[in-house]
Amino acid sequence: GFSVLFLLNLPDLGQVRIEVQIKEKDLFCRFVVSEGEVSEFLKKNLSLLRERLKGMGFRPSLQMTAGPVEMEKEIYLRDLERESQALLSVVI
């Protein structure tokens, strides 16, 4: 499997963190957002994303939370170091 982490600081959307882990057909994706508007947009569209991923053959598990994004980077990197089973890990 592999993991990808996106840490974005977008002028109109604020800070957004997207963590994706894929192992075979199991897909875990967590969105952490700092702005309320982005949170509402994602809440409204997560079911659509889930259905599209299912249509592509994945078994998706999607989460969305609102909160501070800064500390998430250090936590994720620490967890990533412990995941030595990953074939590929990319942090963007």
Protein backbone atom coordinates (compact mmCIF):
# COMPACT_ATOMS: atom_id res chain seq x y z
CA GLY A 1 0.00 0.00 0.00
CA PHE A 2 0.93 3.63 0.06
CA SER A 3 0.17 6.87 1.88
CA VAL A 4 -0.04 10.45 0.63
CA LEU A 5 -0.35 13.60 2.72
CA PHE A 6 -1.34 16.97 1.27
CA LEU A 7 -0.88 20.04 3.50
CA LEU A 8 -2.40 23.00 1.70
CA ASN A 9 -2.66 26.66 2.63
CA LEU A 10 -5.13 28.10 0.13
CA PRO A 11 -5.97 31.82 0.18
CA ASP A 12 -9.74 31.35 -0.18
CA LEU A 13 -10.10 28.03 1.66
CA GLY A 14 -7.64 28.33 4.54
CA GLN A 15 -5.55 25.40 5.65
CA VAL A 16 -6.52 21.96 4.37
CA ARG A 17 -4.93 18.63 5.21
CA ILE A 18 -5.76 15.53 3.16
CA GLU A 19 -4.42 12.15 4.23
CA VAL A 20 -4.89 9.18 1.89
CA GLN A 21 -3.92 5.58 2.60
CA ILE A 22 -4.51 2.81 0.07
CA LYS A 23 -3.98 -0.90 0.67
CA GLU A 24 -5.22 -2.99 -2.23
CA LYS A 25 -8.86 -1.85 -2.67
CA ASP A 26 -9.21 -0.34 0.85
CA LEU A 27 -8.98 3.44 0.69
CA PHE A 28 -8.89 5.64 3.78
CA CYS A 29 -9.12 9.41 3.35
CA ARG A 30 -9.27 12.04 6.07
CA PHE A 31 -9.81 15.74 5.44
CA VAL A 32 -8.89 18.24 8.16
CA VAL A 33 -9.97 21.79 7.40
CA SER A 34 -9.57 25.06 9.28
CA GLU A 35 -12.47 27.01 7.73
CA GLY A 36 -16.17 26.44 8.35
CA GLU A 37 -17.20 27.01 4.72
CA VAL A 38 -14.84 24.28 3.49
CA SER A 39 -16.14 21.97 6.20
CA GLU A 40 -19.73 22.47 5.05
CA PHE A 41 -18.77 21.95 1.40
CA LEU A 42 -17.01 18.67 2.20
CA LYS A 43 -19.86 17.43 4.39
CA LYS A 44 -22.27 17.96 1.51
CA ASN A 45 -20.03 16.20 -1.02
CA LEU A 46 -18.41 13.30 0.86
CA SER A 47 -21.22 10.92 -0.10
CA LEU A 48 -20.71 11.76 -3.79
CA LEU A 49 -16.96 11.13 -3.47
CA ARG A 50 -17.65 7.86 -1.63
CA GLU A 51 -19.96 6.66 -4.43
CA ARG A 52 -17.47 7.60 -7.15
CA LEU A 53 -14.68 5.74 -5.37
CA LYS A 54 -16.93 2.69 -4.99
CA GLY A 55 -17.65 2.90 -8.71
CA MET A 56 -13.89 2.70 -9.31
CA GLY A 57 -13.73 -0.52 -7.27
CA PHE A 58 -12.44 0.89 -3.96
CA ARG A 59 -13.80 0.26 -0.47
CA PRO A 60 -13.66 3.86 0.79
CA SER A 61 -13.60 5.08 4.37
CA LEU A 62 -13.87 8.88 4.39
CA GLN A 63 -13.63 11.26 7.35
CA MET A 64 -13.80 15.02 7.69
CA THR A 65 -12.98 17.14 10.74
CA ALA A 66 -12.57 20.84 11.34
CA GLY A 67 -9.70 22.02 13.49
CA PRO A 68 -6.08 23.17 13.54
CA VAL A 69 -3.98 21.75 10.72
CA GLU A 70 -0.45 22.68 11.87
CA MET A 71 0.07 19.96 14.49
CA GLU A 72 -1.27 17.29 12.17
CA LYS A 73 1.93 17.28 10.08
CA GLU A 74 4.16 16.21 12.97
CA ILE A 75 1.69 13.55 14.13
CA TYR A 76 1.36 12.12 10.64
CA LEU A 77 5.10 12.03 10.02
CA ARG A 78 5.68 10.24 13.32
CA ASP A 79 3.00 7.67 12.44
CA LEU A 80 4.39 7.30 8.94
CA GLU A 81 7.83 6.38 10.29
CA ARG A 82 6.24 3.53 12.26
CA GLU A 83 4.45 2.22 9.12
CA SER A 84 7.44 0.40 7.67
CA GLN A 85 5.13 -1.92 5.70
CA ALA A 86 4.23 0.77 3.17
CA LEU A 87 5.62 0.20 -0.29
CA LEU A 88 5.55 3.93 -1.03
CA SER A 89 4.97 6.96 1.20
CA VAL A 90 4.75 10.44 -0.28
CA VAL A 91 4.37 13.67 1.70
CA ILE A 92 3.48 16.72 -0.40
